[in-house]
């Protein structure tokens, strides 16, 4: 998929030509590791891009949104060629207050599908909360198919 010409120009101006690159201030990066320096980017604001391309700020914003959506779709298609979306079962054990069990479970229900839980008694106010939920994960196609054959046995 090729981006339309005006969308491509806006994205290049916003994220390449007018943006500012600077070396990351991460504590893990040492100046001696010049080969592995990480860079952060500050994208150009819409006003700079509109002056550079001679378009309205609203047009710039709309074209940038269109471009990001198209790039995301293209990236997803490429990922689907090499990867597979798999649902994994995750189990967690948390020690919570008796009054906070419902809040904790609701937080998990907002994030994940098929949340189930059980509680065990520890003290009058503390409970052991076991939560099981399914999380969707991208896995390489060979790994996902290999796990499926292992589960069939």
Protein backbone atom coordinates (compact mmCIF):
# COMPACT_ATOMS: atom_id res chain seq x y z
CA UNK A 1 0.00 0.00 0.00
CA UNK A 2 1.42 3.34 -1.02
CA UNK A 3 0.49 6.52 0.82
CA UNK A 4 -1.18 9.34 -1.11
CA UNK A 5 1.30 12.06 -2.10
CA UNK A 6 -0.08 14.85 0.13
CA UNK A 7 -0.30 12.54 3.16
CA UNK A 8 3.27 11.34 2.59
CA UNK A 9 4.55 14.95 2.39
CA UNK A 10 2.82 15.90 5.66
CA UNK A 11 4.18 12.87 7.51
CA UNK A 12 7.70 13.44 6.20
CA UNK A 13 7.62 17.10 7.19
CA UNK A 14 6.15 16.43 10.63
CA UNK A 15 8.23 13.41 11.64
CA UNK A 16 11.47 13.80 9.60
CA UNK A 17 12.32 17.19 8.10
CA UNK A 18 11.08 19.55 10.82
CA UNK A 19 11.29 17.25 13.85
CA UNK A 20 14.08 17.44 16.41
CA UNK A 21 16.21 14.40 17.23
CA UNK A 22 18.24 14.31 20.41
CA UNK A 23 20.24 11.70 22.28
CA UNK A 24 18.27 9.90 24.95
CA UNK A 25 19.06 10.88 28.53
CA UNK A 26 18.55 7.33 29.75
CA UNK A 27 20.85 6.42 32.64
CA UNK A 28 21.61 3.01 31.11
CA UNK A 29 23.24 4.56 28.04
CA UNK A 30 26.90 5.48 28.47
CA UNK A 31 28.69 7.92 26.21
CA UNK A 32 31.26 5.26 25.38
CA UNK A 33 28.52 3.14 23.78
CA UNK A 34 28.45 5.32 20.68
CA UNK A 35 27.29 2.48 18.45
CA UNK A 36 24.17 1.90 20.55
CA UNK A 37 23.08 5.47 21.28
CA UNK A 38 19.33 5.83 21.41
CA UNK A 39 17.60 8.90 20.05
CA UNK A 40 14.33 10.51 21.04
CA UNK A 41 12.24 12.55 18.65
CA UNK A 42 10.15 15.65 19.16
CA UNK A 43 7.77 15.90 16.23
CA UNK A 44 7.16 19.27 14.64
CA UNK A 45 3.99 21.10 15.62
CA UNK A 46 1.25 21.76 13.08
CA UNK A 47 2.08 25.48 12.80
CA UNK A 48 5.64 24.79 11.57
CA UNK A 49 4.40 22.18 9.13
CA UNK A 50 1.68 24.51 7.79
CA UNK A 51 4.28 27.25 7.19
CA UNK A 52 6.60 24.73 5.51
CA UNK A 53 3.95 23.25 3.19
CA UNK A 54 1.63 26.26 2.85
CA UNK A 55 -1.51 24.46 4.08
CA UNK A 56 -4.03 25.11 6.89
CA UNK A 57 -3.37 23.73 10.37
CA UNK A 58 -6.67 21.82 10.22
CA UNK A 59 -5.72 20.26 6.88
CA UNK A 60 -2.35 19.26 8.32
CA UNK A 61 -4.02 17.65 11.33
CA UNK A 62 -6.49 15.69 9.17
CA UNK A 63 -3.81 14.52 6.73
CA UNK A 64 -1.52 13.47 9.60
CA UNK A 65 -4.36 11.45 11.18
CA UNK A 66 -5.13 9.80 7.83
CA UNK A 67 -1.47 8.99 7.35
CA UNK A 68 -1.06 7.45 10.79
CA UNK A 69 -4.17 5.31 10.27
CA UNK A 70 -2.89 4.11 6.88
CA UNK A 71 0.57 3.37 8.29
CA UNK A 72 -0.98 1.45 11.20
CA UNK A 73 -3.14 -0.63 8.83
CA UNK A 74 -0.13 -1.39 6.65
CA UNK A 75 1.95 -2.36 9.68
CA UNK A 76 -0.86 -4.61 10.96
CA UNK A 77 -1.10 -6.38 7.60
CA UNK A 78 2.65 -6.99 7.61
CA UNK A 79 2.47 -8.31 11.17
CA UNK A 80 -0.38 -10.67 10.25
CA UNK A 81 1.76 -12.17 7.47
CA UNK A 82 4.46 -13.23 9.93
CA UNK A 83 2.55 -13.44 13.22
CA UNK A 84 -0.68 -14.83 14.58
CA UNK A 85 -2.92 -13.36 17.27
CA UNK A 86 -3.18 -15.88 20.12
CA UNK A 87 -5.19 -15.80 23.34
CA UNK A 88 -3.10 -16.78 26.36
CA UNK A 89 -4.40 -17.74 29.78
CA UNK A 90 -2.72 -15.73 32.55
CA UNK A 91 -3.07 -16.43 36.26
CA UNK A 92 -2.13 -13.95 38.98
CA UNK A 93 -2.23 -14.16 42.75
CA UNK A 94 -2.68 -10.93 44.71
CA UNK A 95 -3.08 -10.25 48.41
CA UNK A 96 -5.72 -7.55 48.80
CA UNK A 97 -7.97 -6.04 51.41
CA UNK A 98 -11.42 -7.56 51.69
CA UNK A 99 -13.02 -4.25 50.67
CA UNK A 100 -10.84 -3.79 47.54
CA UNK A 101 -11.55 -7.14 45.86
CA UNK A 102 -14.39 -5.80 43.71
CA UNK A 103 -12.35 -2.75 42.59
CA UNK A 104 -9.37 -4.92 41.65
CA UNK A 105 -11.50 -7.37 39.66
CA UNK A 106 -13.28 -4.50 37.87
CA UNK A 107 -9.91 -3.04 36.80
CA UNK A 108 -8.97 -6.39 35.26
CA UNK A 109 -12.40 -6.69 33.58
CA UNK A 110 -11.89 -3.31 31.89
CA UNK A 111 -8.56 -4.44 30.41
CA UNK A 112 -9.09 -8.12 29.61
CA UNK A 113 -11.76 -10.58 28.47
CA UNK A 114 -13.07 -13.62 30.37
CA UNK A 115 -11.91 -12.61 33.85
CA UNK A 116 -12.63 -15.14 36.61
CA UNK A 117 -11.49 -15.01 40.21
CA UNK A 118 -11.46 -16.95 43.46
CA UNK A 119 -10.65 -15.77 46.97
CA UNK A 120 -9.02 -17.54 49.89
CA UNK A 121 -9.05 -16.55 53.54
CA UNK A 122 -5.79 -15.21 55.05
CA UNK A 123 -6.90 -12.95 57.92
CA UNK A 124 -10.07 -11.07 58.79
CA UNK A 125 -9.19 -8.16 56.51
CA UNK A 126 -6.78 -9.77 53.99
CA UNK A 127 -7.70 -12.18 51.21
CA UNK A 128 -5.68 -14.07 48.60
CA UNK A 129 -7.19 -13.20 45.24
CA UNK A 130 -6.51 -15.56 42.31
CA UNK A 131 -7.38 -13.96 38.98
CA UNK A 132 -7.49 -15.80 35.64
CA UNK A 133 -7.90 -13.92 32.38
CA UNK A 134 -7.16 -14.25 28.68
CA UNK A 135 -4.69 -11.88 27.08
CA UNK A 136 -4.25 -11.48 23.31
CA UNK A 137 -0.63 -11.70 22.20
CA UNK A 138 1.20 -11.53 18.85
CA UNK A 139 3.26 -14.69 18.31
CA UNK A 140 5.40 -15.67 15.32
CA UNK A 141 3.54 -18.15 13.11
CA UNK A 142 5.97 -21.03 13.65
CA UNK A 143 5.81 -20.68 17.45
CA UNK A 144 2.02 -20.40 17.54
CA UNK A 145 1.55 -23.50 15.36
CA UNK A 146 4.15 -25.45 17.37
CA UNK A 147 2.34 -24.67 20.66
CA UNK A 148 -0.97 -25.70 19.12
CA UNK A 149 0.45 -29.12 18.21
CA UNK A 150 1.89 -29.51 21.75
CA UNK A 151 -1.51 -28.74 23.28
CA UNK A 152 -3.18 -31.34 21.04
CA UNK A 153 -1.09 -34.10 22.62
